[in-house]
N, C-alpha and C. Protein backbone atom coordinates (compact mmCIF):
# COMPACT_ATOMS: atom_id res chain seq x y z
N UNK A 1 -66.58 25.23 -51.46
CA UNK A 1 -66.88 24.23 -50.44
C UNK A 1 -65.66 23.38 -50.14
N UNK A 2 -64.90 23.03 -51.19
CA UNK A 2 -63.70 22.23 -50.98
C UNK A 2 -62.68 23.00 -50.12
N UNK A 3 -62.60 24.29 -50.40
CA UNK A 3 -61.65 25.12 -49.66
C UNK A 3 -62.02 25.15 -48.18
N UNK A 4 -63.31 25.28 -47.88
CA UNK A 4 -63.78 25.30 -46.50
C UNK A 4 -63.49 23.97 -45.80
N UNK A 5 -63.75 22.87 -46.49
CA UNK A 5 -63.49 21.55 -45.92
C UNK A 5 -61.99 21.36 -45.65
N UNK A 6 -61.17 21.83 -46.57
CA UNK A 6 -59.72 21.73 -46.40
C UNK A 6 -59.26 22.56 -45.22
N UNK A 7 -59.84 23.74 -45.05
CA UNK A 7 -59.51 24.62 -43.94
C UNK A 7 -59.89 23.99 -42.60
N UNK A 8 -61.08 23.39 -42.54
CA UNK A 8 -61.53 22.72 -41.32
C UNK A 8 -60.62 21.53 -41.01
N UNK A 9 -60.28 20.75 -42.01
CA UNK A 9 -59.40 19.60 -41.82
C UNK A 9 -58.03 20.05 -41.31
N UNK A 10 -57.48 21.11 -41.87
CA UNK A 10 -56.18 21.63 -41.43
C UNK A 10 -56.26 22.09 -39.98
N UNK A 11 -57.37 22.72 -39.61
CA UNK A 11 -57.56 23.16 -38.23
C UNK A 11 -57.61 21.99 -37.26
N UNK A 12 -58.30 20.94 -37.64
CA UNK A 12 -58.38 19.75 -36.78
C UNK A 12 -57.02 19.08 -36.61
N UNK A 13 -56.26 19.02 -37.69
CA UNK A 13 -54.93 18.43 -37.61
C UNK A 13 -54.04 19.26 -36.70
N UNK A 14 -54.12 20.58 -36.84
CA UNK A 14 -53.31 21.47 -36.00
C UNK A 14 -53.70 21.32 -34.53
N UNK A 15 -54.99 21.22 -34.24
CA UNK A 15 -55.43 21.07 -32.85
C UNK A 15 -55.01 19.74 -32.28
N UNK A 16 -54.94 18.73 -33.09
CA UNK A 16 -54.52 17.41 -32.63
C UNK A 16 -53.05 17.36 -32.27
N UNK A 17 -52.26 18.23 -32.85
CA UNK A 17 -50.82 18.22 -32.56
C UNK A 17 -50.46 19.06 -31.35
N UNK A 18 -51.36 19.88 -30.84
CA UNK A 18 -51.07 20.74 -29.69
C UNK A 18 -50.70 19.95 -28.45
N UNK A 19 -51.41 18.86 -28.09
CA UNK A 19 -51.00 18.12 -26.89
C UNK A 19 -49.57 17.58 -26.97
N UNK A 20 -49.12 17.22 -28.13
CA UNK A 20 -47.75 16.72 -28.26
C UNK A 20 -46.75 17.82 -27.95
N UNK A 21 -47.02 19.03 -28.41
CA UNK A 21 -46.14 20.14 -28.10
C UNK A 21 -46.23 20.50 -26.63
N UNK A 22 -47.39 20.42 -26.05
CA UNK A 22 -47.56 20.74 -24.64
C UNK A 22 -46.80 19.77 -23.77
N UNK A 23 -46.73 18.51 -24.17
CA UNK A 23 -45.99 17.52 -23.38
C UNK A 23 -44.51 17.85 -23.35
N UNK A 24 -43.96 18.32 -24.47
CA UNK A 24 -42.56 18.70 -24.50
C UNK A 24 -42.31 19.94 -23.65
N UNK A 25 -43.28 20.83 -23.57
CA UNK A 25 -43.12 22.04 -22.79
C UNK A 25 -43.13 21.74 -21.30
N UNK A 26 -43.49 20.52 -20.92
CA UNK A 26 -43.50 20.14 -19.52
C UNK A 26 -42.13 20.19 -18.89
N UNK A 27 -41.09 20.10 -19.69
CA UNK A 27 -39.77 20.34 -19.17
C UNK A 27 -38.94 19.13 -18.85
N UNK A 28 -39.17 18.00 -19.47
CA UNK A 28 -38.31 16.85 -19.25
C UNK A 28 -36.94 17.14 -19.84
N UNK A 29 -35.92 16.85 -19.08
CA UNK A 29 -34.55 17.04 -19.58
C UNK A 29 -34.09 15.71 -20.17
N UNK A 30 -34.30 15.58 -21.49
CA UNK A 30 -33.98 14.32 -22.15
C UNK A 30 -32.48 14.04 -22.15
N UNK A 31 -31.67 15.07 -22.07
CA UNK A 31 -30.23 14.87 -22.04
C UNK A 31 -29.84 14.13 -20.76
N UNK A 32 -30.40 14.54 -19.64
CA UNK A 32 -30.10 13.86 -18.38
C UNK A 32 -30.72 12.47 -18.33
N UNK A 33 -31.92 12.38 -18.84
CA UNK A 33 -32.68 11.14 -18.69
C UNK A 33 -32.22 10.04 -19.64
N UNK A 34 -32.08 10.36 -20.92
CA UNK A 34 -31.74 9.32 -21.89
C UNK A 34 -30.64 9.73 -22.85
N UNK A 35 -29.88 10.72 -22.46
CA UNK A 35 -28.76 11.21 -23.28
C UNK A 35 -29.21 11.56 -24.70
N UNK A 36 -30.32 12.25 -24.80
CA UNK A 36 -30.87 12.67 -26.09
C UNK A 36 -30.95 14.19 -26.10
N UNK A 37 -30.68 14.79 -27.23
CA UNK A 37 -30.69 16.25 -27.38
C UNK A 37 -29.66 16.94 -26.49
N UNK A 38 -28.46 16.43 -26.48
CA UNK A 38 -27.40 16.96 -25.62
C UNK A 38 -26.42 17.86 -26.37
N UNK A 39 -26.82 18.42 -27.45
CA UNK A 39 -25.96 19.21 -28.33
C UNK A 39 -24.89 19.99 -27.57
N UNK A 40 -23.69 19.46 -27.58
CA UNK A 40 -22.51 20.14 -27.03
C UNK A 40 -22.68 20.57 -25.57
N UNK A 41 -23.44 19.85 -24.79
CA UNK A 41 -23.59 20.19 -23.38
C UNK A 41 -22.46 19.54 -22.59
N UNK A 42 -21.70 20.40 -21.94
CA UNK A 42 -20.62 19.92 -21.08
C UNK A 42 -20.79 20.63 -19.74
N UNK A 43 -21.07 19.87 -18.71
CA UNK A 43 -21.27 20.43 -17.38
C UNK A 43 -20.18 19.93 -16.45
N UNK A 44 -19.87 20.73 -15.46
CA UNK A 44 -19.01 20.23 -14.39
C UNK A 44 -19.86 19.26 -13.58
N UNK A 45 -19.23 18.49 -12.74
CA UNK A 45 -19.98 17.51 -11.95
C UNK A 45 -20.96 18.22 -11.01
N UNK A 46 -20.57 19.39 -10.49
CA UNK A 46 -21.46 20.15 -9.62
C UNK A 46 -22.68 20.66 -10.39
N UNK A 47 -22.46 21.12 -11.64
CA UNK A 47 -23.58 21.58 -12.46
C UNK A 47 -24.53 20.43 -12.78
N UNK A 48 -23.96 19.28 -13.05
CA UNK A 48 -24.79 18.11 -13.37
C UNK A 48 -25.64 17.73 -12.16
N UNK A 49 -25.04 17.76 -10.98
CA UNK A 49 -25.78 17.43 -9.76
C UNK A 49 -26.93 18.41 -9.57
N UNK A 50 -26.67 19.70 -9.76
CA UNK A 50 -27.74 20.71 -9.61
C UNK A 50 -28.85 20.49 -10.63
N UNK A 51 -28.48 20.18 -11.87
CA UNK A 51 -29.49 19.93 -12.91
C UNK A 51 -30.35 18.72 -12.55
N UNK A 52 -29.72 17.65 -12.08
CA UNK A 52 -30.48 16.45 -11.72
C UNK A 52 -31.41 16.76 -10.55
N UNK A 53 -30.91 17.47 -9.54
CA UNK A 53 -31.75 17.82 -8.39
C UNK A 53 -32.95 18.67 -8.82
N UNK A 54 -32.71 19.60 -9.74
CA UNK A 54 -33.78 20.45 -10.25
C UNK A 54 -34.85 19.61 -10.95
N UNK A 55 -34.41 18.64 -11.74
CA UNK A 55 -35.36 17.78 -12.44
C UNK A 55 -36.13 16.89 -11.47
N UNK A 56 -35.46 16.37 -10.46
CA UNK A 56 -36.14 15.52 -9.47
C UNK A 56 -37.22 16.30 -8.74
N UNK A 57 -36.97 17.59 -8.49
CA UNK A 57 -37.96 18.43 -7.79
C UNK A 57 -39.24 18.59 -8.60
N UNK A 58 -39.17 18.42 -9.91
CA UNK A 58 -40.38 18.51 -10.74
C UNK A 58 -41.32 17.35 -10.45
N UNK A 59 -40.75 16.24 -9.99
CA UNK A 59 -41.53 15.11 -9.53
C UNK A 59 -42.46 14.48 -10.54
N UNK A 60 -43.54 13.92 -10.02
CA UNK A 60 -44.50 13.16 -10.80
C UNK A 60 -45.32 13.99 -11.77
N UNK A 61 -45.24 15.32 -11.65
CA UNK A 61 -45.97 16.17 -12.59
C UNK A 61 -45.35 16.09 -13.98
N UNK A 62 -44.04 15.80 -14.03
CA UNK A 62 -43.33 15.77 -15.30
C UNK A 62 -42.81 14.38 -15.63
N UNK A 63 -42.33 13.67 -14.62
CA UNK A 63 -41.66 12.38 -14.84
C UNK A 63 -42.49 11.22 -14.30
N UNK A 64 -42.33 10.07 -14.94
CA UNK A 64 -42.95 8.85 -14.44
C UNK A 64 -42.12 8.34 -13.26
N UNK A 65 -42.65 7.38 -12.54
CA UNK A 65 -41.93 6.81 -11.40
C UNK A 65 -40.62 6.18 -11.85
N UNK A 66 -40.65 5.50 -12.99
CA UNK A 66 -39.44 4.87 -13.52
C UNK A 66 -38.38 5.92 -13.89
N UNK A 67 -38.82 7.00 -14.50
CA UNK A 67 -37.88 8.07 -14.86
C UNK A 67 -37.28 8.72 -13.62
N UNK A 68 -38.10 8.89 -12.58
CA UNK A 68 -37.58 9.45 -11.34
C UNK A 68 -36.54 8.53 -10.70
N UNK A 69 -36.77 7.21 -10.80
CA UNK A 69 -35.78 6.26 -10.28
C UNK A 69 -34.45 6.41 -11.03
N UNK A 70 -34.53 6.58 -12.35
CA UNK A 70 -33.32 6.76 -13.15
C UNK A 70 -32.60 8.04 -12.75
N UNK A 71 -33.36 9.10 -12.52
CA UNK A 71 -32.74 10.37 -12.11
C UNK A 71 -32.08 10.24 -10.75
N UNK A 72 -32.74 9.54 -9.82
CA UNK A 72 -32.14 9.32 -8.49
C UNK A 72 -30.85 8.50 -8.61
N UNK A 73 -30.85 7.51 -9.47
CA UNK A 73 -29.64 6.70 -9.68
C UNK A 73 -28.52 7.55 -10.27
N UNK A 74 -28.86 8.42 -11.22
CA UNK A 74 -27.85 9.30 -11.82
C UNK A 74 -27.32 10.29 -10.79
N UNK A 75 -28.19 10.76 -9.90
CA UNK A 75 -27.76 11.68 -8.85
C UNK A 75 -26.80 10.97 -7.89
N UNK A 76 -27.14 9.75 -7.54
CA UNK A 76 -26.27 8.98 -6.64
C UNK A 76 -24.90 8.76 -7.30
N UNK A 77 -24.91 8.41 -8.57
CA UNK A 77 -23.66 8.19 -9.31
C UNK A 77 -22.83 9.47 -9.39
N UNK A 78 -23.49 10.58 -9.68
CA UNK A 78 -22.78 11.86 -9.79
C UNK A 78 -22.18 12.27 -8.45
N UNK A 79 -22.93 12.05 -7.36
CA UNK A 79 -22.39 12.36 -6.03
C UNK A 79 -21.20 11.48 -5.70
N UNK A 80 -21.23 10.23 -6.12
CA UNK A 80 -20.11 9.32 -5.88
C UNK A 80 -18.87 9.79 -6.66
N UNK A 81 -19.07 10.23 -7.89
CA UNK A 81 -17.96 10.75 -8.69
C UNK A 81 -17.36 11.97 -8.01
N UNK A 82 -18.22 12.86 -7.51
CA UNK A 82 -17.73 14.06 -6.82
C UNK A 82 -16.93 13.69 -5.58
N UNK A 83 -17.44 12.73 -4.81
CA UNK A 83 -16.70 12.27 -3.62
C UNK A 83 -15.35 11.70 -4.01
N UNK A 84 -15.30 10.92 -5.07
CA UNK A 84 -14.04 10.33 -5.53
C UNK A 84 -13.05 11.41 -5.95
N UNK A 85 -13.56 12.44 -6.60
CA UNK A 85 -12.68 13.53 -7.06
C UNK A 85 -12.15 14.35 -5.88
N UNK A 86 -12.95 14.48 -4.84
CA UNK A 86 -12.54 15.27 -3.67
C UNK A 86 -11.64 14.50 -2.72
N UNK A 87 -11.60 13.19 -2.87
CA UNK A 87 -10.78 12.35 -2.00
C UNK A 87 -9.30 12.65 -2.27
N UNK A 88 -8.49 12.79 -1.21
CA UNK A 88 -7.06 13.04 -1.42
C UNK A 88 -6.41 11.89 -2.18
N UNK A 89 -5.35 12.20 -2.93
CA UNK A 89 -4.65 11.18 -3.71
C UNK A 89 -4.16 10.04 -2.87
N UNK A 90 -4.02 8.89 -3.49
CA UNK A 90 -3.61 7.68 -2.77
C UNK A 90 -2.13 7.52 -2.80
């Protein structure tokens, strides 16, 4: 009986953790959003812009309104950096 109760309890704990894993599978790019989990990621400015645009397209299904604002700000900043780099020397 104890073994059965332990098995049921383990199953309930496992089922309770599934939503947490599912939320991560939603595809938030924490490296772009909060500079977390960026293990040796080095992108060119063009790659970064494409990554940000891809994340913005996911919209409200994945990101909160505040997170989308941050992504838009990062996109604007990255585009400004690209413009500065393309500007002829002074």
